[in-house]
């Protein structure tokens, strides 16, 4: 130092950094046996999903934007400024964090509205909590399997934007736990679920948040575990910030439902967007495919009886879609996302090269499989390309259990992004009195029907046939020809005869 320089031997070691923040060695917090991970822990759709609109930012009427995706994205100037201040403050304070916490820096900034000092305090609190909670070693799936059998917390599926849905059933919490206020074992299950989600179920830059479905079935208003729910809320907000996209509360007692309507007026716009108190579980079908939910939650799946591995099914995940019949499984076993995508590509190439699969089935964008033997010239009035903008239709409403009038607003022949959602090809957008419905191709035939006055058309067909006037019928040209042509011919058969009735049916079919 007297010579104005520092000897290399006494230079302080370089501080290891992660995301520009001083970090320490990572600690192991989770150990999951392979048999405790479901085949669809990481579905193929999550790897290919392209988020847009509200999936990236929560836009409030005041103009405030709340970021929902924090990885592999470009930050705004304000976000860059806040992150730069947080990094400088962390270096100045000499504090170090585990790499997992460093990667969450912008989430803490978002939770504190850009206040870097508060964000750093929250990061330090989470760091201390993790070191205290996991000081005896990681959470092991084998150790937690017994508590998982109660089925009060488990992932059941994903919503339309691939976000995992965690179901919490209050009535299944063991009575002894509630009486003794043994909240530690309950929180251990929830922490295990969250750590599994963070490790295996998310895709940075595409899927980074989750949904929570709170089921209060068979719970009276006096038995609602308010303190328990408060602890859960504090756990999520303090140590897993900005990981919750939406909270659904269903099967609410009547008295509490009445109170909730009053309380809703006191919530902020942000809280209203995040919390939904459902009057009917079928409202979940606005955000979930039926096969992603159990029957008592408005879905089509039977109630789960085994909860580890999580009862996760295949995609697709668009509302109204049916389960894929030939999904790719076990993508979560890949060492990283790049390897998972390569495995997905290899599996698909192998399936396309298989003669049996090519000859017998064709996979549609919605995940349904249809026979390839159908003639390309066959014509089905329920196919989306037969609808035009402005067509009057009727749409089946699950919540009203009835057909409601609607008008076709748009048809999407190709996969695209519309109004912030990834829209699969063949989708119809139909306006109804209460808003809009997006009907995927494989549900059009069962959920959309044209507004046609059937009796009058049938009477016209009968009159045409009975009077022997020009009749439109379908006839085939030479057998080797790939085309079918409608031709005009005269019905010369006696009215009321069997052949005449067949002409009537042929006319009705052609029309």
Protein backbone atom coordinates (compact mmCIF):
# COMPACT_ATOMS: atom_id res chain seq x y z
CA UNK A 1 0.00 0.00 0.00
CA UNK A 2 2.94 2.32 0.68
CA UNK A 3 3.96 1.87 -2.97
CA UNK A 4 0.49 2.84 -4.13
CA UNK A 5 -0.41 -0.63 -5.29
CA UNK A 6 -1.80 -3.82 -3.80
CA UNK A 7 0.14 -7.07 -3.99
CA UNK A 8 -1.71 -9.79 -5.96
CA UNK A 9 -1.37 -12.07 -2.95
CA UNK A 10 -3.58 -9.83 -0.78
CA UNK A 11 -6.22 -8.89 -3.39
CA UNK A 12 -9.72 -9.65 -2.08
CA UNK A 13 -11.41 -12.54 -3.91
CA UNK A 14 -13.85 -11.57 -6.60
CA UNK A 15 -17.43 -11.50 -5.28
CA UNK A 16 -19.63 -13.97 -7.10
CA UNK A 17 -22.70 -12.31 -8.59
CA UNK A 18 -25.96 -13.53 -10.04
CA UNK A 19 -28.21 -11.13 -11.97
CA UNK A 20 -25.78 -8.38 -10.96
CA UNK A 21 -26.38 -9.06 -7.23
CA UNK A 22 -23.78 -10.53 -4.82
CA UNK A 23 -24.69 -14.17 -4.26
CA UNK A 24 -23.67 -17.17 -2.22
CA UNK A 25 -23.74 -20.90 -2.83
CA UNK A 26 -27.13 -22.29 -3.75
CA UNK A 27 -28.76 -24.53 -1.16
CA UNK A 28 -30.75 -27.67 -1.93
CA UNK A 29 -34.37 -27.21 -0.92
CA UNK A 30 -36.17 -29.98 -2.81
CA UNK A 31 -35.68 -33.66 -3.55
CA UNK A 32 -38.34 -35.44 -5.61
CA UNK A 33 -38.28 -39.13 -6.45
CA UNK A 34 -38.90 -39.79 -10.18
CA UNK A 35 -42.07 -41.80 -9.45
CA UNK A 36 -43.54 -38.75 -7.70
CA UNK A 37 -43.56 -36.63 -10.87
CA UNK A 38 -46.49 -36.96 -13.27
CA UNK A 39 -46.00 -37.67 -16.97
CA UNK A 40 -47.55 -34.28 -17.82
CA UNK A 41 -45.66 -32.21 -15.27
CA UNK A 42 -44.30 -30.19 -18.23
CA UNK A 43 -46.68 -30.47 -21.21
CA UNK A 44 -45.61 -29.84 -24.77
CA UNK A 45 -47.99 -26.89 -25.11
CA UNK A 46 -46.14 -24.98 -22.37
CA UNK A 47 -42.89 -25.15 -24.35
CA UNK A 48 -44.55 -23.70 -27.45
CA UNK A 49 -46.84 -21.17 -25.82
CA UNK A 50 -46.38 -17.54 -26.90
CA UNK A 51 -47.69 -15.15 -24.23
CA UNK A 52 -49.21 -11.83 -25.21
CA UNK A 53 -51.31 -9.01 -23.79
CA UNK A 54 -52.43 -9.59 -20.21
CA UNK A 55 -50.10 -12.56 -19.90
CA UNK A 56 -47.17 -10.14 -19.99
CA UNK A 57 -48.60 -7.07 -18.21
CA UNK A 58 -51.57 -6.43 -15.97
CA UNK A 59 -52.96 -3.17 -17.31
CA UNK A 60 -54.96 -1.05 -14.87
CA UNK A 61 -57.33 1.72 -15.91
CA UNK A 62 -55.00 4.25 -14.25
CA UNK A 63 -52.35 3.34 -16.81
CA UNK A 64 -50.18 1.44 -14.32
CA UNK A 65 -48.58 -1.72 -15.69
CA UNK A 66 -47.77 -4.67 -13.45
CA UNK A 67 -45.32 -7.10 -15.00
CA UNK A 68 -46.23 -10.77 -14.97
CA UNK A 69 -43.26 -12.20 -16.88
CA UNK A 70 -39.79 -11.42 -15.56
CA UNK A 71 -37.45 -13.82 -17.37
CA UNK A 72 -36.02 -13.51 -20.89
CA UNK A 73 -37.83 -10.21 -21.42
CA UNK A 74 -36.90 -6.60 -22.14
CA UNK A 75 -37.52 -4.27 -19.20
CA UNK A 76 -38.83 -0.72 -19.39
CA UNK A 77 -36.63 2.26 -18.51
CA UNK A 78 -38.23 2.58 -15.07
CA UNK A 79 -37.67 -1.11 -14.37
CA UNK A 80 -34.04 -0.90 -15.48
CA UNK A 81 -33.51 2.13 -13.24
CA UNK A 82 -35.05 0.41 -10.20
CA UNK A 83 -33.01 -2.77 -10.82
CA UNK A 84 -29.82 -0.74 -11.17
CA UNK A 85 -30.50 0.96 -7.82
CA UNK A 86 -31.21 -2.39 -6.16
CA UNK A 87 -27.93 -3.86 -7.43
CA UNK A 88 -25.95 -0.85 -6.19
CA UNK A 89 -27.66 -0.99 -2.79
CA UNK A 90 -26.97 -4.73 -2.48
CA UNK A 91 -23.26 -4.24 -3.26
CA UNK A 92 -23.04 -1.30 -0.86
CA UNK A 93 -24.67 -3.25 1.98
CA UNK A 94 -22.41 -6.27 1.52
CA UNK A 95 -25.38 -8.63 1.64
CA UNK A 96 -25.38 -11.86 -0.31
CA UNK A 97 -28.29 -13.91 -1.54
CA UNK A 98 -28.82 -17.36 -2.98
CA UNK A 99 -29.07 -17.45 -6.80
CA UNK A 100 -32.79 -18.29 -6.56
CA UNK A 101 -33.44 -15.02 -4.71
CA UNK A 102 -31.21 -13.00 -7.05
CA UNK A 103 -33.24 -14.17 -10.05
CA UNK A 104 -36.41 -12.95 -8.28
CA UNK A 105 -35.14 -9.38 -7.86
CA UNK A 106 -37.56 -7.78 -10.31
CA UNK A 107 -40.48 -9.59 -8.66
CA UNK A 108 -39.62 -8.00 -5.33
CA UNK A 109 -39.34 -4.65 -7.09
CA UNK A 110 -42.76 -5.19 -8.65
CA UNK A 111 -44.23 -6.14 -5.26
CA UNK A 112 -42.86 -2.90 -3.72
CA UNK A 113 -43.81 -0.70 -6.69
CA UNK A 114 -40.18 -0.10 -7.64
CA UNK A 115 -38.89 0.78 -4.15
CA UNK A 116 -35.43 -0.82 -4.24
CA UNK A 117 -34.81 -0.46 -0.49
CA UNK A 118 -38.04 -2.23 0.45
CA UNK A 119 -37.38 -4.85 -2.22
CA UNK A 120 -33.92 -5.54 -0.76
CA UNK A 121 -35.44 -5.89 2.73
CA UNK A 122 -37.98 -8.41 1.43
CA UNK A 123 -35.24 -10.35 -0.34
CA UNK A 124 -33.25 -10.48 2.89
CA UNK A 125 -36.31 -11.68 4.82
CA UNK A 126 -36.93 -14.46 2.28
CA UNK A 127 -33.23 -15.43 2.35
CA UNK A 128 -33.32 -15.74 6.14
CA UNK A 129 -36.60 -17.67 6.02
CA UNK A 130 -35.24 -20.17 3.50
CA UNK A 131 -32.06 -20.76 5.50
CA UNK A 132 -34.11 -21.32 8.64
CA UNK A 133 -36.79 -23.48 7.00
CA UNK A 134 -34.42 -25.72 5.04
CA UNK A 135 -31.60 -25.82 7.60
CA UNK A 136 -32.23 -29.54 8.27
CA UNK A 137 -32.15 -30.42 4.59
CA UNK A 138 -34.41 -30.33 1.55
CA UNK A 139 -38.09 -31.24 1.42
CA UNK A 140 -38.27 -34.85 0.22
CA UNK A 141 -41.27 -36.20 -1.64
CA UNK A 142 -40.95 -39.51 0.20
CA UNK A 143 -41.27 -37.74 3.56
CA UNK A 144 -44.27 -35.68 2.50
CA UNK A 145 -46.17 -38.44 0.68
CA UNK A 146 -48.21 -39.38 3.77
CA UNK A 147 -49.52 -35.83 4.28
CA UNK A 148 -50.29 -35.53 0.56
CA UNK A 149 -52.78 -38.41 0.88
CA UNK A 150 -55.25 -36.06 2.58
CA UNK A 151 -55.73 -34.29 -0.76
CA UNK A 152 -56.21 -30.78 0.59
CA UNK A 153 -53.58 -29.26 -1.73
CA UNK A 154 -52.46 -30.46 -5.16
CA UNK A 155 -52.03 -29.29 -8.74
CA UNK A 156 -54.89 -30.46 -10.93
CA UNK A 157 -54.28 -28.88 -14.36
CA UNK A 158 -53.49 -25.66 -16.20
CA UNK A 159 -55.51 -22.69 -17.41
CA UNK A 160 -55.71 -21.32 -20.94
CA UNK A 161 -52.30 -19.65 -20.60
CA UNK A 162 -50.58 -22.83 -19.30
CA UNK A 163 -50.51 -21.57 -15.70
CA UNK A 164 -50.59 -24.48 -13.20
CA UNK A 165 -53.71 -24.53 -11.01
CA UNK A 166 -53.23 -25.39 -7.33
CA UNK A 167 -56.42 -26.62 -5.64
CA UNK A 168 -56.85 -26.04 -1.90
CA UNK A 169 -59.79 -27.90 -0.33
CA UNK A 170 -60.37 -26.55 3.17
CA UNK A 171 -62.72 -29.37 4.23
CA UNK A 172 -59.99 -31.97 3.69
CA UNK A 173 -57.56 -30.41 6.16
CA UNK A 174 -57.46 -32.97 9.00
CA UNK A 175 -59.67 -31.90 11.89
CA UNK A 176 -56.88 -32.58 14.37
CA UNK A 177 -54.62 -30.15 12.52
CA UNK A 178 -57.28 -27.46 12.72
CA UNK A 179 -58.01 -28.03 16.40
CA UNK A 180 -54.36 -28.10 17.39
CA UNK A 181 -53.59 -25.30 14.90
CA UNK A 182 -50.88 -27.54 13.46
CA UNK A 183 -50.23 -25.16 10.62
CA UNK A 184 -46.64 -26.25 10.09
CA UNK A 185 -47.55 -29.56 8.43
CA UNK A 186 -50.09 -27.83 6.21
CA UNK A 187 -47.64 -25.14 5.14
CA UNK A 188 -45.03 -27.83 4.48
CA UNK A 189 -47.34 -29.39 1.87
CA UNK A 190 -47.97 -26.01 0.25
CA UNK A 191 -44.27 -25.14 0.19
CA UNK A 192 -43.55 -28.52 -1.38
CA UNK A 193 -46.15 -27.81 -4.10
CA UNK A 194 -44.67 -24.39 -4.82
CA UNK A 195 -41.10 -25.65 -4.99
CA UNK A 196 -42.10 -28.47 -7.37
CA UNK A 197 -43.87 -25.91 -9.56
CA UNK A 198 -40.84 -23.60 -9.62
CA UNK A 199 -38.46 -26.46 -10.41
CA UNK A 200 -40.41 -28.52 -12.94
CA UNK A 201 -43.63 -26.87 -14.16
CA UNK A 202 -42.73 -23.36 -15.36
CA UNK A 203 -41.12 -22.07 -18.55
CA UNK A 204 -39.17 -18.80 -18.08
CA UNK A 205 -40.45 -16.07 -20.33
CA UNK A 206 -43.63 -18.02 -21.16
CA UNK A 207 -45.23 -19.47 -18.02
CA UNK A 208 -44.14 -17.98 -14.70
CA UNK A 209 -47.26 -17.73 -12.53
CA UNK A 210 -49.95 -20.00 -11.11
CA UNK A 211 -53.62 -20.00 -10.16
CA UNK A 212 -55.07 -20.92 -6.78
CA UNK A 213 -58.54 -22.48 -6.54
CA UNK A 214 -59.88 -22.35 -2.97
CA UNK A 215 -62.78 -24.79 -2.49
CA UNK A 216 -65.01 -24.10 0.54
CA UNK A 217 -67.38 -27.02 -0.11
CA UNK A 218 -68.82 -28.54 3.11
CA UNK A 219 -67.42 -25.67 5.18
CA UNK A 220 -69.86 -23.61 7.24
CA UNK A 221 -69.20 -19.93 7.74
CA UNK A 222 -68.09 -20.48 11.34
CA UNK A 223 -65.63 -23.19 10.26
CA UNK A 224 -63.89 -21.18 7.57
CA UNK A 225 -60.21 -21.17 8.62
CA UNK A 226 -59.64 -17.43 8.35
CA UNK A 227 -56.35 -17.51 10.24
CA UNK A 228 -55.20 -20.41 8.09
CA UNK A 229 -56.02 -18.61 4.86
CA UNK A 230 -54.24 -15.54 6.20
CA UNK A 231 -51.09 -17.56 6.85
CA UNK A 232 -51.26 -19.01 3.34
CA UNK A 233 -51.67 -15.54 1.86
CA UNK A 234 -48.69 -14.22 3.81
CA UNK A 235 -46.56 -17.17 2.72
CA UNK A 236 -47.33 -16.61 -0.96
CA UNK A 237 -46.92 -12.83 -0.96
CA UNK A 238 -43.79 -12.65 1.23
CA UNK A 239 -41.69 -15.55 -0.07
CA UNK A 240 -43.16 -16.24 -3.51
CA UNK A 241 -43.90 -12.70 -4.76
CA UNK A 242 -45.75 -12.16 -8.02
CA UNK A 243 -46.22 -15.89 -8.54
CA UNK A 244 -50.01 -15.82 -8.19
CA UNK A 245 -51.94 -14.83 -11.29
CA UNK A 246 -55.46 -15.28 -9.94
CA UNK A 247 -57.28 -16.63 -6.89
CA UNK A 248 -60.61 -18.36 -7.43
CA UNK A 249 -62.91 -18.95 -4.45
CA UNK A 250 -65.74 -21.41 -5.11
CA UNK A 251 -68.56 -23.17 -3.23
CA UNK A 252 -68.82 -20.19 -0.90
CA UNK A 253 -71.51 -20.36 1.86
CA UNK A 254 -74.53 -18.23 1.03
CA UNK A 255 -74.08 -15.79 3.88
CA UNK A 256 -70.43 -15.25 2.99
CA UNK A 257 -71.38 -14.83 -0.67
CA UNK A 258 -73.73 -11.98 0.29
CA UNK A 259 -70.97 -10.39 2.34
CA UNK A 260 -68.49 -10.80 -0.49
CA UNK A 261 -70.65 -8.69 -2.82
CA UNK A 262 -70.40 -5.82 -0.33
CA UNK A 263 -66.70 -6.39 0.31
CA UNK A 264 -65.96 -6.43 -3.42
CA UNK A 265 -66.84 -2.75 -3.65
CA UNK A 266 -64.03 -2.02 -1.17
CA UNK A 267 -61.36 -3.82 -3.19
CA UNK A 268 -58.93 -2.01 -5.44
CA UNK A 269 -59.01 -2.59 -9.19
CA UNK A 270 -55.88 -4.74 -8.91
CA UNK A 271 -57.44 -6.90 -6.19
CA UNK A 272 -60.64 -7.32 -8.17
CA UNK A 273 -58.67 -8.61 -11.15
CA UNK A 274 -56.73 -11.06 -9.00
CA UNK A 275 -59.56 -12.41 -6.81
CA UNK A 276 -62.74 -13.98 -8.20
CA UNK A 277 -65.49 -15.23 -5.92
CA UNK A 278 -67.52 -17.64 -8.07
CA UNK A 279 -71.27 -18.08 -7.74
CA UNK A 280 -71.07 -21.20 -9.93
CA UNK A 281 -68.07 -23.51 -10.35
CA UNK A 282 -68.84 -23.69 -14.08
CA UNK A 283 -67.47 -20.17 -14.37
CA UNK A 284 -64.03 -21.81 -14.19
CA UNK A 285 -64.67 -23.15 -17.70
CA UNK A 286 -64.13 -19.62 -19.01
CA UNK A 287 -60.42 -20.08 -18.24
CA UNK A 288 -59.98 -23.86 -18.18
CA UNK A 289 -60.57 -26.78 -20.52
CA UNK A 290 -63.12 -29.24 -19.01
CA UNK A 291 -60.61 -32.10 -18.85
CA UNK A 292 -58.31 -29.94 -16.70
CA UNK A 293 -60.81 -29.78 -13.83
CA UNK A 294 -62.57 -32.33 -11.66
CA UNK A 295 -66.34 -32.71 -11.94
CA UNK A 296 -67.14 -30.91 -8.68
CA UNK A 297 -65.18 -27.93 -10.04
CA UNK A 298 -67.22 -27.80 -13.24
CA UNK A 299 -64.90 -30.02 -15.28
CA UNK A 300 -65.23 -33.46 -16.82
CA UNK A 301 -62.59 -35.39 -14.88
CA UNK A 302 -63.59 -37.72 -12.04
CA UNK A 303 -62.50 -36.74 -8.54
CA UNK A 304 -58.84 -37.46 -7.91
CA UNK A 305 -58.06 -40.12 -5.33
CA UNK A 306 -54.26 -40.01 -5.56
CA UNK A 307 -52.38 -36.73 -5.16
CA UNK A 308 -48.69 -37.61 -5.48
CA UNK A 309 -47.72 -37.45 -8.26
CA UNK A 310 -50.08 -34.59 -8.98
CA UNK A 311 -53.13 -35.67 -11.02
CA UNK A 312 -52.09 -33.74 -14.12
CA UNK A 313 -53.54 -34.59 -17.53
CA UNK A 314 -52.53 -33.83 -21.13
CA UNK A 315 -53.38 -30.69 -23.07
CA UNK A 316 -54.61 -28.83 -24.91
CA UNK A 317 -55.66 -26.19 -22.40
CA UNK A 318 -57.89 -23.88 -24.42
CA UNK A 319 -61.41 -23.61 -22.90
CA UNK A 320 -63.73 -26.15 -24.47
CA UNK A 321 -60.98 -28.34 -25.92
CA UNK A 322 -60.80 -32.11 -25.51
CA UNK A 323 -57.76 -34.07 -24.27
CA UNK A 324 -55.03 -34.89 -26.73
CA UNK A 325 -54.98 -38.59 -27.62
CA UNK A 326 -51.29 -38.87 -28.52
CA UNK A 327 -49.42 -36.50 -26.20
CA UNK A 328 -45.71 -36.36 -25.57
CA UNK A 329 -44.88 -37.37 -22.00
CA UNK A 330 -42.09 -36.91 -19.44
CA UNK A 331 -40.61 -33.73 -20.92
CA UNK A 332 -39.75 -32.63 -17.38
CA UNK A 333 -37.02 -35.30 -17.31
CA UNK A 334 -34.87 -33.27 -19.70
CA UNK A 335 -31.87 -31.55 -18.13
CA UNK A 336 -32.96 -28.16 -19.46
CA UNK A 337 -35.59 -26.56 -21.68
CA UNK A 338 -33.43 -26.83 -24.79
CA UNK A 339 -33.17 -30.58 -24.35
CA UNK A 340 -36.93 -30.76 -23.67
CA UNK A 341 -37.68 -28.99 -26.96
CA UNK A 342 -35.31 -31.31 -28.82
CA UNK A 343 -37.02 -34.33 -27.27
CA UNK A 344 -40.41 -32.95 -28.30
CA UNK A 345 -39.20 -32.49 -31.89
CA UNK A 346 -37.74 -36.00 -32.02
CA UNK A 347 -40.95 -37.55 -30.73
CA UNK A 348 -43.06 -35.71 -33.28
CA UNK A 349 -40.76 -36.64 -36.16
CA UNK A 350 -40.95 -40.27 -35.09
CA UNK A 351 -44.76 -40.10 -34.96
CA UNK A 352 -44.95 -38.56 -38.45
CA UNK A 353 -42.68 -41.27 -39.82
CA UNK A 354 -44.90 -44.03 -38.44
CA UNK A 355 -47.10 -45.38 -41.31
CA UNK A 356 -49.88 -46.44 -38.96
CA UNK A 357 -50.29 -43.01 -37.48
CA UNK A 358 -50.22 -41.30 -40.87
CA UNK A 359 -52.75 -43.60 -42.47
CA UNK A 360 -55.29 -43.69 -39.67
CA UNK A 361 -55.17 -40.39 -37.80
CA UNK A 362 -54.67 -36.74 -38.27
CA UNK A 363 -53.98 -34.44 -35.36
CA UNK A 364 -55.84 -31.16 -35.30
CA UNK A 365 -54.73 -27.97 -33.63
CA UNK A 366 -57.16 -28.46 -30.75
CA UNK A 367 -55.75 -31.85 -29.87
CA UNK A 368 -58.63 -33.96 -31.15
CA UNK A 369 -57.90 -36.86 -33.51
CA UNK A 370 -60.06 -37.46 -36.53
CA UNK A 371 -60.06 -40.20 -39.13
CA UNK A 372 -58.09 -39.51 -42.27
CA UNK A 373 -60.38 -41.71 -44.32
CA UNK A 374 -62.89 -38.90 -44.72
CA UNK A 375 -62.99 -37.52 -48.22
CA UNK A 376 -61.44 -34.04 -48.58
CA UNK A 377 -64.48 -33.05 -50.63
CA UNK A 378 -67.02 -33.97 -47.95
CA UNK A 379 -68.85 -30.94 -46.64
CA UNK A 380 -69.93 -30.36 -43.04
CA UNK A 381 -72.06 -27.37 -42.09
CA UNK A 382 -70.50 -27.35 -38.60
CA UNK A 383 -66.99 -26.70 -39.90
CA UNK A 384 -65.67 -23.22 -39.04
CA UNK A 385 -64.96 -22.21 -42.66
CA UNK A 386 -68.70 -22.45 -43.44
CA UNK A 387 -69.39 -19.53 -41.08
CA UNK A 388 -69.04 -15.92 -42.12
CA UNK A 389 -68.82 -12.68 -40.22
CA UNK A 390 -72.32 -11.50 -39.37
CA UNK A 391 -73.95 -14.97 -39.40
CA UNK A 392 -76.67 -15.33 -36.81
CA UNK A 393 -76.11 -18.38 -34.63
CA UNK A 394 -77.03 -19.86 -31.29
CA UNK A 395 -74.34 -20.79 -28.77
CA UNK A 396 -74.69 -23.23 -25.90
CA UNK A 397 -74.18 -21.48 -22.54
CA UNK A 398 -72.93 -23.73 -19.76
CA UNK A 399 -73.78 -21.22 -17.02
CA UNK A 400 -77.34 -20.69 -18.30
CA UNK A 401 -77.78 -24.29 -19.45
CA UNK A 402 -79.51 -23.03 -22.59
CA UNK A 403 -78.90 -21.84 -26.16
CA UNK A 404 -78.30 -18.08 -26.44
CA UNK A 405 -78.43 -15.92 -29.53
CA UNK A 406 -75.16 -14.72 -31.00
CA UNK A 407 -73.49 -13.26 -34.06
CA UNK A 408 -70.23 -14.45 -35.61
CA UNK A 409 -67.68 -11.67 -35.22
CA UNK A 410 -64.61 -13.36 -36.67
CA UNK A 411 -63.19 -16.62 -37.97
CA UNK A 412 -59.49 -17.39 -37.48
CA UNK A 413 -58.31 -19.88 -40.15
CA UNK A 414 -54.70 -19.70 -38.92
CA UNK A 415 -53.12 -19.70 -35.47
CA UNK A 416 -52.76 -16.10 -34.33
CA UNK A 417 -52.75 -13.76 -31.34
CA UNK A 418 -56.01 -11.86 -30.80
CA UNK A 419 -56.90 -9.62 -27.86
CA UNK A 420 -53.92 -10.91 -25.93
CA UNK A 421 -54.67 -14.62 -26.36
CA UNK A 422 -53.05 -17.31 -28.46
CA UNK A 423 -55.92 -18.42 -30.73
CA UNK A 424 -55.68 -21.86 -32.36
CA UNK A 425 -56.67 -22.27 -36.04
CA UNK A 426 -60.34 -22.85 -36.84
CA UNK A 427 -61.60 -20.77 -33.89
CA UNK A 428 -64.84 -18.76 -34.04
CA UNK A 429 -65.38 -15.55 -32.09
CA UNK A 430 -69.08 -15.07 -31.38
CA UNK A 431 -70.67 -12.09 -29.65
CA UNK A 432 -73.47 -12.86 -27.18
CA UNK A 433 -75.53 -10.55 -24.93
CA UNK A 434 -73.10 -11.00 -22.02
CA UNK A 435 -69.90 -10.61 -23.98
CA UNK A 436 -68.00 -12.90 -26.35
CA UNK A 437 -67.31 -16.59 -26.66
CA UNK A 438 -64.30 -18.15 -28.34
CA UNK A 439 -65.25 -21.55 -29.74
CA UNK A 440 -62.40 -23.89 -30.81
CA UNK A 441 -62.86 -25.93 -33.95
CA UNK A 442 -63.56 -29.27 -32.28
CA UNK A 443 -66.45 -27.83 -30.23
CA UNK A 444 -68.25 -25.97 -32.98
CA UNK A 445 -70.44 -28.91 -33.98
CA UNK A 446 -71.74 -29.41 -30.44
CA UNK A 447 -71.80 -25.82 -29.14
CA UNK A 448 -72.84 -23.71 -32.16
CA UNK A 449 -75.88 -24.02 -34.37
CA UNK A 450 -77.20 -21.89 -37.17
CA UNK A 451 -80.42 -19.94 -36.87
CA UNK A 452 -82.54 -21.76 -39.49
CA UNK A 453 -86.29 -22.00 -39.78
CA UNK A 454 -86.40 -25.76 -40.31
CA UNK A 455 -90.15 -26.25 -40.93
CA UNK A 456 -90.40 -23.73 -43.75
CA UNK A 457 -87.41 -25.21 -45.62
CA UNK A 458 -88.73 -28.72 -45.14
CA UNK A 459 -92.12 -27.65 -46.50
CA UNK A 460 -90.44 -26.10 -49.54
CA UNK A 461 -88.54 -29.34 -50.16
CA UNK A 462 -91.74 -31.35 -49.94
CA UNK A 463 -93.57 -28.99 -52.31
CA UNK A 464 -90.73 -29.17 -54.85
CA UNK A 465 -90.74 -32.96 -54.79
CA UNK A 466 -94.51 -33.36 -54.87
CA UNK A 467 -94.95 -30.99 -57.81
CA UNK A 468 -92.19 -32.70 -59.80
CA UNK A 469 -90.28 -29.49 -60.21
CA UNK A 470 -86.52 -29.16 -60.53
CA UNK A 471 -84.80 -31.07 -57.70
CA UNK A 472 -81.29 -30.56 -56.45
CA UNK A 473 -79.64 -33.86 -55.73
CA UNK A 474 -76.14 -35.13 -55.17
CA UNK A 475 -74.82 -37.57 -57.74
CA UNK A 476 -71.41 -39.08 -58.18
CA UNK A 477 -69.55 -38.98 -61.46
CA UNK A 478 -67.15 -41.74 -62.48
CA UNK A 479 -65.96 -43.78 -59.51
CA UNK A 480 -62.30 -42.99 -60.18
CA UNK A 481 -62.96 -39.23 -60.09
CA UNK A 482 -61.94 -37.49 -56.85
CA UNK A 483 -64.77 -34.95 -57.18
CA UNK A 484 -68.44 -34.97 -56.30
CA UNK A 485 -70.80 -32.66 -58.21
CA UNK A 486 -74.33 -31.54 -57.32
CA UNK A 487 -76.61 -31.86 -60.35
CA UNK A 488 -80.10 -30.67 -61.21
CA UNK A 489 -82.67 -33.27 -62.15
CA UNK A 490 -86.48 -33.57 -62.28
CA UNK A 491 -88.33 -35.68 -59.73
CA UNK A 492 -90.75 -37.84 -61.76
CA UNK A 493 -91.86 -40.15 -58.98
CA UNK A 494 -95.38 -40.27 -57.56
CA UNK A 495 -95.96 -37.99 -54.57
CA UNK A 496 -95.97 -39.95 -51.33
CA UNK A 497 -94.02 -42.88 -52.75
CA UNK A 498 -90.92 -44.23 -51.03
CA UNK A 499 -88.67 -42.93 -53.80
CA UNK A 500 -90.31 -39.51 -53.60
CA UNK A 501 -89.64 -39.41 -49.84
CA UNK A 502 -86.02 -40.23 -50.56
CA UNK A 503 -85.92 -37.30 -52.99
CA UNK A 504 -87.29 -35.04 -50.26
CA UNK A 505 -84.56 -36.20 -47.89
CA UNK A 506 -81.92 -35.73 -50.58
CA UNK A 507 -83.17 -32.19 -51.24
CA UNK A 508 -83.09 -31.35 -47.54
CA UNK A 509 -79.56 -32.79 -47.25
CA UNK A 510 -78.29 -30.75 -50.21
CA UNK A 511 -79.84 -27.52 -48.95
